[in-house]
Amino acid sequence: MGSRGPAPTPTAILRANGSWRGDINANEPKPKRGVPKAPFSLKGKAGKAWKFLAPILDEIGVLTVIDGHALARYCVLWARWREAEDFLEKHGTTFAEKNKDGEVIGMKAFPQVKMSLDLAAAILRLEQSFGMSPSARSRIDASINGDEVGLDDFLNSKPGLRIKTG
């Protein structure tokens, strides 16, 4: 049987939140802080998500060199979720189900509806691991100098947009 209760909050997140619990686990492994090397397999929207998020997570002090696979997983899941959402925005959430004579017999949800929901749940778990959920953000001071730009803005931007992270 697995551990009970929610997963413990990483010490780096606790410290960034200013929590007194940030010094409780003196034996917690302390991997080297920094941006891991991006996997070569990250392309398209997933690669852009990495380029956007890695410097920000490093700046707020929650990214270490060992976190590369978890961040890559987040970026891939986010890109897939975005593709499902783009499909749903274009086609809607349902389609007409027809019989062999072409008569409409009911409405069905596109598979992308369930995909989007499942991916959103997995993304949320990873966001919480990196302190990227709305509640975690409210406790972490992750100021970005200059204009704040969201990930969707970054992905839809023209070449040459620069994100200031320090």
Protein backbone atom coordinates (compact mmCIF):
# COMPACT_ATOMS: atom_id res chain seq x y z
CA MET A 1 0.00 0.00 0.00
CA GLY A 2 1.33 3.46 -0.87
CA SER A 3 1.87 6.46 1.34
CA ARG A 4 -1.21 8.20 2.69
CA GLY A 5 -2.14 11.81 2.26
CA PRO A 6 -0.89 14.39 -0.20
CA ALA A 7 2.67 14.30 -1.46
CA PRO A 8 5.01 16.47 0.61
CA THR A 9 5.77 19.91 -0.75
CA PRO A 10 9.40 20.16 -1.91
CA THR A 11 11.65 22.14 0.46
CA ALA A 12 12.51 24.66 -2.29
CA ILE A 13 8.81 25.45 -2.67
CA LEU A 14 8.37 25.73 1.11
CA ARG A 15 11.31 28.12 1.35
CA ALA A 16 10.09 30.19 -1.59
CA ASN A 17 6.73 30.40 0.19
CA GLY A 18 8.48 31.61 3.35
CA SER A 19 7.21 28.59 5.30
CA TRP A 20 8.79 27.67 8.63
CA ARG A 21 8.61 24.03 7.45
CA GLY A 22 11.30 24.75 4.83
CA ASP A 23 14.03 23.69 7.27
CA ILE A 24 12.41 20.55 8.71
CA ASN A 25 13.97 17.84 6.48
CA ALA A 26 17.72 18.29 6.85
CA ASN A 27 18.35 14.99 5.00
CA GLU A 28 16.37 15.84 1.87
CA PRO A 29 18.48 15.30 -1.27
CA LYS A 30 19.66 18.61 -2.68
CA PRO A 31 20.31 18.30 -6.41
CA LYS A 32 22.22 21.11 -8.08
CA ARG A 33 20.00 24.05 -8.91
CA GLY A 34 19.85 24.99 -12.57
CA VAL A 35 18.20 24.42 -15.90
CA PRO A 36 18.48 20.83 -17.13
CA LYS A 37 19.41 20.20 -20.73
CA ALA A 38 16.28 20.06 -22.87
CA PRO A 39 15.64 16.65 -24.45
CA PHE A 40 16.18 16.57 -28.21
CA SER A 41 12.73 15.01 -28.60
CA LEU A 42 10.97 18.22 -27.50
CA LYS A 43 9.76 19.90 -30.66
CA GLY A 44 6.98 22.25 -31.66
CA LYS A 45 4.77 23.55 -28.87
CA ALA A 46 6.42 21.27 -26.28
CA GLY A 47 9.85 22.71 -27.12
CA LYS A 48 8.51 26.26 -26.94
CA ALA A 49 6.88 25.51 -23.58
CA TRP A 50 10.28 24.30 -22.28
CA LYS A 51 12.06 27.42 -23.51
CA PHE A 52 9.44 29.57 -21.83
CA LEU A 53 9.14 27.73 -18.51
CA ALA A 54 12.66 26.52 -17.72
CA PRO A 55 14.18 29.98 -17.13
CA ILE A 56 11.20 31.09 -15.05
CA LEU A 57 11.26 27.98 -12.86
CA ASP A 58 15.01 28.38 -12.47
CA GLU A 59 14.62 32.03 -11.51
CA ILE A 60 12.12 31.27 -8.76
CA GLY A 61 14.44 28.56 -7.46
CA VAL A 62 12.33 25.42 -7.91
CA LEU A 63 14.19 23.83 -10.85
CA THR A 64 17.21 21.57 -10.50
CA VAL A 65 19.28 19.67 -13.05
CA ILE A 66 17.48 16.43 -12.12
CA ASP A 67 14.03 17.82 -12.97
CA GLY A 68 14.46 17.60 -16.74
CA HIS A 69 12.29 14.54 -17.32
CA ALA A 70 9.43 15.86 -15.18
CA LEU A 71 9.54 19.23 -16.95
CA ALA A 72 9.72 17.52 -20.35
CA ARG A 73 6.68 15.41 -19.42
CA TYR A 74 4.83 18.58 -18.43
CA CYS A 75 5.72 20.28 -21.73
CA VAL A 76 4.63 17.27 -23.82
CA LEU A 77 1.36 16.92 -21.91
CA TRP A 78 0.72 20.65 -22.18
CA ALA A 79 1.32 20.56 -25.96
CA ARG A 80 -1.08 17.61 -26.36
CA TRP A 81 -3.69 19.34 -24.21
CA ARG A 82 -3.33 22.49 -26.34
CA GLU A 83 -3.82 20.43 -29.54
CA ALA A 84 -6.99 18.83 -28.11
CA GLU A 85 -8.28 22.24 -27.07
CA ASP A 86 -7.49 23.72 -30.51
CA PHE A 87 -9.50 20.87 -32.10
CA LEU A 88 -12.44 21.48 -29.76
CA GLU A 89 -12.37 25.22 -30.41
CA LYS A 90 -12.57 24.54 -34.14
CA HIS A 91 -15.09 21.66 -34.18
CA GLY A 92 -17.02 21.98 -30.92
CA THR A 93 -17.36 19.25 -28.33
CA THR A 94 -19.96 17.02 -30.01
CA PHE A 95 -20.81 15.54 -33.39
CA ALA A 96 -23.92 13.95 -34.86
CA GLU A 97 -23.98 10.16 -34.75
CA LYS A 98 -25.68 8.74 -37.83
CA ASN A 99 -27.04 5.33 -38.74
CA LYS A 100 -26.16 3.49 -41.95
CA ASP A 101 -28.88 5.45 -43.81
CA GLY A 102 -27.32 8.76 -42.79
CA GLU A 103 -30.05 9.70 -40.31
CA VAL A 104 -28.98 11.43 -37.12
CA ILE A 105 -29.65 9.13 -34.17
CA GLY A 106 -27.92 11.10 -31.46
CA MET A 107 -25.00 13.26 -30.45
CA LYS A 108 -21.62 12.04 -29.24
CA ALA A 109 -18.67 13.79 -27.65
CA PHE A 110 -15.45 13.95 -29.62
CA PRO A 111 -12.65 11.82 -28.10
CA GLN A 112 -10.69 15.06 -27.64
CA VAL A 113 -13.10 16.05 -24.83
CA LYS A 114 -11.93 13.17 -22.62
CA MET A 115 -8.34 13.60 -23.77
CA SER A 116 -8.42 17.26 -22.75
CA LEU A 117 -9.85 16.47 -19.32
CA ASP A 118 -7.37 13.64 -18.66
CA LEU A 119 -4.42 15.73 -19.82
CA ALA A 120 -5.56 18.70 -17.73
CA ALA A 121 -5.59 16.50 -14.60
CA ALA A 122 -2.07 15.18 -15.31
CA ILE A 123 -0.84 18.71 -16.05
CA LEU A 124 -2.27 19.99 -12.78
CA ARG A 125 -0.37 17.34 -10.81
CA LEU A 126 2.89 18.38 -12.48
CA GLU A 127 2.11 22.07 -12.02
CA GLN A 128 1.70 21.45 -8.31
CA SER A 129 5.04 19.62 -8.25
CA PHE A 130 6.76 22.68 -9.71
CA GLY A 131 4.73 25.22 -7.73
CA MET A 132 2.87 26.37 -10.85
CA SER A 133 -0.73 26.00 -9.67
CA PRO A 134 -2.66 29.19 -8.93
CA SER A 135 -2.56 28.56 -5.18
CA ALA A 136 1.19 27.89 -5.24
CA ARG A 137 1.78 31.02 -7.34
CA SER A 138 0.02 33.15 -4.75
CA ARG A 139 2.66 32.10 -2.21
CA ILE A 140 5.76 32.35 -4.41
CA ASP A 141 7.31 35.62 -5.45
CA ALA A 142 8.12 34.94 -9.11
CA SER A 143 8.42 38.45 -10.46
CA ILE A 144 9.28 38.78 -14.13
CA ASN A 145 10.92 42.05 -15.16
CA GLY A 146 9.28 43.92 -17.99
CA ASP A 147 5.96 43.00 -19.53
CA GLU A 148 4.47 39.77 -18.29
CA VAL A 149 3.76 37.36 -21.12
CA GLY A 150 1.74 34.17 -20.74
CA LEU A 151 2.68 30.87 -22.38
CA ASP A 152 -0.12 31.13 -24.96
CA ASP A 153 1.08 34.66 -25.85
CA PHE A 154 4.61 33.31 -26.22
CA LEU A 155 3.56 30.41 -28.47
CA ASN A 156 1.55 32.71 -30.71
CA SER A 157 4.21 35.42 -30.85
CA LYS A 158 6.30 36.50 -33.76
CA PRO A 159 9.98 35.52 -33.84
CA GLY A 160 12.14 37.85 -31.83
CA LEU A 161 9.93 38.13 -28.73
CA ARG A 162 12.20 38.05 -25.71
CA ILE A 163 11.09 37.03 -22.25
CA LYS A 164 13.01 38.84 -19.53
CA THR A 165 13.61 36.57 -16.56
CA GLY A 166 16.04 38.60 -14.53
